[in-house]
C-alpha cells in the first residue's frame, strides 16, 4: 500500500502516472499476487463450500458498518462533496471520520477513457478476487491456526481450519483492526469478529473468501457512486 508513495509527485502539470502512480502500481501488484496465488494453489483449499448465504449476509453487514460514516457524511452534505461538513463529536474527530474524498481517484484518467476503464477493472479484480484470497489465507488460514498451535504446542498445519480459542480470537481480531488506518478501526473490528465467527461456524476458507469478496464488491460500487475514494 505504501509503494505508490515512492513514485508520487504532487504537481498538476505532470502526467497521470507520476501524479497517480497507484493506477499502474496496483495493477502490477494484482498481477504478481494473482500469479503467486495460482503458483501455490496446492497449498490452500477453499473447500468445503458451506453457508454461502451466511457469508453473503455477513459481507453485507460488515461493509455496511464500514461505509456508515460515509453515509452519514453524505446525508449532511446532501451528496455534494464541496458542501461544508457538520461538526463531528470529539470521538469522530479522533477517528478522523471527517472526510473520505481523497484516495484512489480514477477521474485522474478522464482524458484516457481506455486507461480509466482498465484501471477501474483492475481495481475490482484486486478488491474482489486477489485481496479476499490473500487476506483470508493469511488471517484465517494461517494466523488463527498458528495462535492455537502455539497454545497447544503443536505445528500449525495440524490445527484444523476454524479451530477456536479465545486468545486466537483476540489476537486475530485486534491484528485485523489495527492493520487498518484509524478511521477504519471500529468497522475493521466488526469485520474481524464476523469473519472469525464465520470461520469457526463453517470451517470453510471459501466461505470467508466469499464474504470478503461480497463486501469488497459492494464497497467498490459504493465508492464509484459516491466518489468517496478514501474508502477503497
Protein backbone atom coordinates (compact mmCIF):
# COMPACT_ATOMS: atom_id res chain seq x y z
CA UNK A 1 0.00 0.00 0.00
CA UNK A 2 2.95 2.34 0.58
CA UNK A 3 4.62 1.67 -2.77
CA UNK A 4 2.72 4.32 -4.80
CA UNK A 5 4.03 6.97 -2.43
CA UNK A 6 7.57 6.18 -3.52
CA UNK A 7 6.76 7.36 -7.05
CA UNK A 8 4.12 10.07 -6.48
CA UNK A 9 4.97 13.67 -7.35
CA UNK A 10 2.37 16.30 -6.39
CA UNK A 11 2.35 18.51 -9.47
CA UNK A 12 -0.77 19.05 -11.60
CA UNK A 13 1.40 19.71 -14.66
CA UNK A 14 2.88 16.19 -14.61
CA UNK A 15 1.36 13.17 -16.40
CA UNK A 16 -1.05 10.85 -14.56
CA UNK A 17 1.49 8.09 -13.96
CA UNK A 18 3.53 10.45 -11.78
CA UNK A 19 0.60 12.16 -10.04
CA UNK A 20 -1.32 8.91 -9.50
CA UNK A 21 1.18 6.04 -9.60
CA UNK A 22 -1.36 3.75 -7.88
CA UNK A 23 -3.07 3.47 -11.28
CA UNK A 24 -0.13 1.41 -12.57
CA UNK A 25 1.34 0.12 -9.29
CA UNK A 26 -1.90 -1.57 -8.17
CA UNK A 27 -2.37 -3.50 -11.45
CA UNK A 28 1.24 -4.72 -11.23
CA UNK A 29 0.68 -5.83 -7.63
CA UNK A 30 -2.58 -7.52 -8.62
CA UNK A 31 -0.94 -9.49 -11.42
CA UNK A 32 2.02 -10.53 -9.26
CA UNK A 33 -0.12 -11.60 -6.28
CA UNK A 34 -2.60 -13.36 -8.57
CA UNK A 35 0.24 -15.29 -10.20
CA UNK A 36 1.59 -16.30 -6.78
CA UNK A 37 -1.86 -17.47 -5.68
CA UNK A 38 -2.03 -19.68 -8.78
CA UNK A 39 1.52 -20.93 -8.27
CA UNK A 40 0.82 -22.00 -4.68
CA UNK A 41 -2.79 -23.12 -5.23
CA UNK A 42 -1.99 -26.64 -3.98
CA UNK A 43 -1.03 -25.23 -0.59
CA UNK A 44 -4.52 -23.98 0.31
CA UNK A 45 -8.05 -25.20 -0.26
CA UNK A 46 -11.29 -23.26 -0.37
CA UNK A 47 -13.45 -26.34 0.15
CA UNK A 48 -15.67 -27.34 1.77
CA UNK A 49 -18.10 -24.69 0.48
CA UNK A 50 -20.56 -24.10 3.29
CA UNK A 51 -23.16 -21.48 4.25
CA UNK A 52 -22.83 -19.15 1.23
CA UNK A 53 -25.97 -17.33 2.38
CA UNK A 54 -24.45 -16.57 5.77
CA UNK A 55 -21.20 -15.50 4.11
CA UNK A 56 -23.14 -13.14 1.82
CA UNK A 57 -25.13 -11.71 4.75
CA UNK A 58 -22.01 -11.18 6.88
CA UNK A 59 -20.34 -9.44 3.94
CA UNK A 60 -23.27 -7.04 3.61
CA UNK A 61 -23.39 -6.35 7.36
CA UNK A 62 -19.64 -5.91 7.64
CA UNK A 63 -19.29 -3.50 4.73
CA UNK A 64 -22.35 -1.52 5.85
CA UNK A 65 -20.56 -0.89 9.14
CA UNK A 66 -17.50 0.14 7.13
CA UNK A 67 -19.23 2.78 5.00
CA UNK A 68 -21.65 4.02 7.68
CA UNK A 69 -19.56 7.15 8.46
CA UNK A 70 -19.52 7.99 4.76
CA UNK A 71 -23.29 7.60 4.53
CA UNK A 72 -23.73 9.97 7.49
CA UNK A 73 -21.37 12.44 5.82
CA UNK A 74 -23.31 12.27 2.54
CA UNK A 75 -26.62 12.91 4.33
CA UNK A 76 -25.26 16.07 5.93
CA UNK A 77 -23.72 17.25 2.66
CA UNK A 78 -26.71 16.41 0.50
CA UNK A 79 -24.43 14.38 -1.77
CA UNK A 80 -22.24 17.40 -2.53
CA UNK A 81 -18.58 16.75 -1.57
CA UNK A 82 -17.85 20.50 -1.72
CA UNK A 83 -20.52 21.33 0.87
CA UNK A 84 -19.29 22.14 4.38
CA UNK A 85 -19.37 19.22 6.75
CA UNK A 86 -21.13 19.29 10.07
CA UNK A 87 -19.26 19.45 13.36
CA UNK A 88 -18.38 15.92 14.38
CA UNK A 89 -18.28 14.83 18.01
CA UNK A 90 -14.81 14.74 19.53
CA UNK A 91 -14.52 10.96 19.19
CA UNK A 92 -15.42 11.21 15.49
CA UNK A 93 -12.66 13.77 15.06
CA UNK A 94 -10.22 11.47 16.87
CA UNK A 95 -11.13 8.66 14.47
CA UNK A 96 -10.64 11.11 11.56
CA UNK A 97 -14.11 10.45 10.16
CA UNK A 98 -14.40 14.00 8.79
CA UNK A 99 -13.71 13.35 5.09
CA UNK A 100 -13.06 10.35 2.79
CA UNK A 101 -12.87 12.01 -0.61
CA UNK A 102 -9.08 11.67 -1.04
CA UNK A 103 -7.84 8.35 -2.37
CA UNK A 104 -7.68 6.18 -5.49
CA UNK A 105 -9.43 8.57 -7.88
CA UNK A 106 -10.00 7.20 -11.41
CA UNK A 107 -11.20 10.59 -12.65
CA UNK A 108 -7.50 11.43 -12.93
CA UNK A 109 -7.66 9.37 -16.13
CA UNK A 110 -10.74 11.07 -17.61
CA UNK A 111 -8.68 12.13 -20.63
CA UNK A 112 -7.69 8.48 -21.22
CA UNK A 113 -11.02 6.55 -21.33
CA UNK A 114 -9.45 3.17 -22.14
CA UNK A 115 -6.86 3.60 -19.41
CA UNK A 116 -9.52 4.67 -16.93
CA UNK A 117 -11.65 1.63 -17.72
CA UNK A 118 -8.64 -0.66 -17.38
CA UNK A 119 -7.62 0.96 -14.08
CA UNK A 120 -11.11 0.57 -12.58
CA UNK A 121 -11.39 -3.02 -13.87
CA UNK A 122 -8.06 -3.97 -12.32
CA UNK A 123 -9.06 -2.23 -9.11
CA UNK A 124 -12.11 -4.50 -8.90
CA UNK A 125 -10.04 -7.61 -9.72
CA UNK A 126 -7.74 -6.62 -6.86
CA UNK A 127 -10.62 -5.94 -4.42
CA UNK A 128 -12.94 -8.80 -5.27
CA UNK A 129 -10.56 -11.62 -6.19
CA UNK A 130 -6.96 -11.13 -5.07
CA UNK A 131 -7.37 -9.28 -1.75
CA UNK A 132 -10.02 -11.68 -0.33
CA UNK A 133 -7.81 -14.67 -1.14
CA UNK A 134 -4.57 -13.16 0.16
CA UNK A 135 -6.06 -11.78 3.36
CA UNK A 136 -8.21 -14.77 4.28
CA UNK A 137 -5.39 -17.23 3.59
CA UNK A 138 -3.24 -15.21 5.99
CA UNK A 139 -5.66 -14.15 8.73
CA UNK A 140 -7.92 -17.18 8.94
CA UNK A 141 -5.88 -19.81 7.10
CA UNK A 142 -2.65 -19.11 8.97
CA UNK A 143 -2.77 -16.72 11.94
CA UNK A 144 -5.88 -18.15 13.62
CA UNK A 145 -4.39 -21.63 13.41
CA UNK A 146 -0.88 -20.50 14.35
CA UNK A 147 -2.04 -18.96 17.64
CA UNK A 148 -3.99 -22.11 18.53
CA UNK A 149 -0.97 -24.22 17.59
CA UNK A 150 1.28 -22.21 19.89
CA UNK A 151 -1.17 -22.70 22.74
CA UNK A 152 -1.37 -26.44 22.04
CA UNK A 153 2.39 -26.68 21.41
CA UNK A 154 1.93 -28.29 18.03
CA UNK A 155 2.65 -27.50 14.38
CA UNK A 156 0.15 -25.02 12.93
CA UNK A 157 -0.68 -27.17 9.89
CA UNK A 158 -2.04 -29.81 12.27
CA UNK A 159 -4.69 -27.37 13.51
CA UNK A 160 -7.97 -27.62 11.60
CA UNK A 161 -9.23 -24.53 9.82
CA UNK A 162 -11.70 -22.69 12.03
CA UNK A 163 -10.38 -24.10 15.32
CA UNK A 164 -11.50 -21.75 18.09
CA UNK A 165 -9.67 -20.37 21.08
CA UNK A 166 -10.44 -17.06 22.77
CA UNK A 167 -6.80 -15.98 22.64
CA UNK A 168 -6.77 -16.68 18.92
CA UNK A 169 -9.95 -14.62 18.59
CA UNK A 170 -8.43 -11.65 20.42
CA UNK A 171 -5.07 -11.77 18.61
CA UNK A 172 -6.54 -12.19 15.13
CA UNK A 173 -9.33 -9.65 15.55
CA UNK A 174 -7.09 -6.97 17.03
CA UNK A 175 -4.48 -7.59 14.33
CA UNK A 176 -7.14 -7.18 11.62
CA UNK A 177 -8.32 -4.00 13.34
CA UNK A 178 -5.01 -2.23 13.82
CA UNK A 179 -3.51 -3.14 10.44
CA UNK A 180 -6.01 -0.60 9.05
CA UNK A 181 -5.89 3.16 9.37
CA UNK A 182 -7.57 4.80 12.35
CA UNK A 183 -10.81 5.82 10.56
CA UNK A 184 -11.46 2.13 9.83
CA UNK A 185 -10.73 0.70 13.29
CA UNK A 186 -14.35 0.32 14.51
CA UNK A 187 -15.50 -1.20 11.22
CA UNK A 188 -12.42 -3.42 10.94
CA UNK A 189 -13.14 -4.75 14.44
CA UNK A 190 -16.73 -5.58 13.47
CA UNK A 191 -15.47 -7.15 10.24
CA UNK A 192 -12.85 -9.18 12.11
CA UNK A 193 -15.43 -10.51 14.58
CA UNK A 194 -17.86 -11.51 11.81
CA UNK A 195 -15.19 -13.24 9.75
CA UNK A 196 -13.85 -15.08 12.79
CA UNK A 197 -17.37 -16.29 13.64
CA UNK A 198 -17.87 -17.38 10.02
CA UNK A 199 -14.59 -19.31 10.01
CA UNK A 200 -15.47 -21.13 13.24
CA UNK A 201 -19.07 -21.78 12.15
CA UNK A 202 -18.34 -23.06 8.65
CA UNK A 203 -14.76 -24.39 8.89
CA UNK A 204 -14.54 -23.13 5.31
CA UNK A 205 -11.90 -20.84 3.85
CA UNK A 206 -14.15 -20.48 0.81
CA UNK A 207 -16.94 -19.01 2.93
CA UNK A 208 -14.55 -16.40 4.37
CA UNK A 209 -13.26 -15.52 0.90
CA UNK A 210 -16.84 -15.21 -0.38
CA UNK A 211 -17.78 -12.89 2.50
CA UNK A 212 -14.74 -10.73 1.79
CA UNK A 213 -15.43 -10.66 -1.96
CA UNK A 214 -19.08 -9.67 -1.46
CA UNK A 215 -18.15 -6.90 0.96
CA UNK A 216 -15.43 -5.52 -1.30
CA UNK A 217 -17.69 -5.64 -4.36
CA UNK A 218 -20.35 -3.60 -2.55
CA UNK A 219 -17.67 -1.22 -1.32
CA UNK A 220 -16.33 -0.67 -4.83
CA UNK A 221 -19.79 0.06 -6.22
CA UNK A 222 -20.49 2.44 -3.32
CA UNK A 223 -17.23 4.32 -3.90
CA UNK A 224 -17.89 4.73 -7.63
CA UNK A 225 -21.38 6.07 -6.87
CA UNK A 226 -20.36 8.50 -4.11
CA UNK A 227 -16.77 9.33 -5.12
CA UNK A 228 -15.60 8.78 -1.56
CA UNK A 229 -12.32 7.47 -2.88
CA UNK A 230 -10.76 7.13 0.57
CA UNK A 231 -12.85 4.06 1.33
CA UNK A 232 -11.13 1.79 -1.17
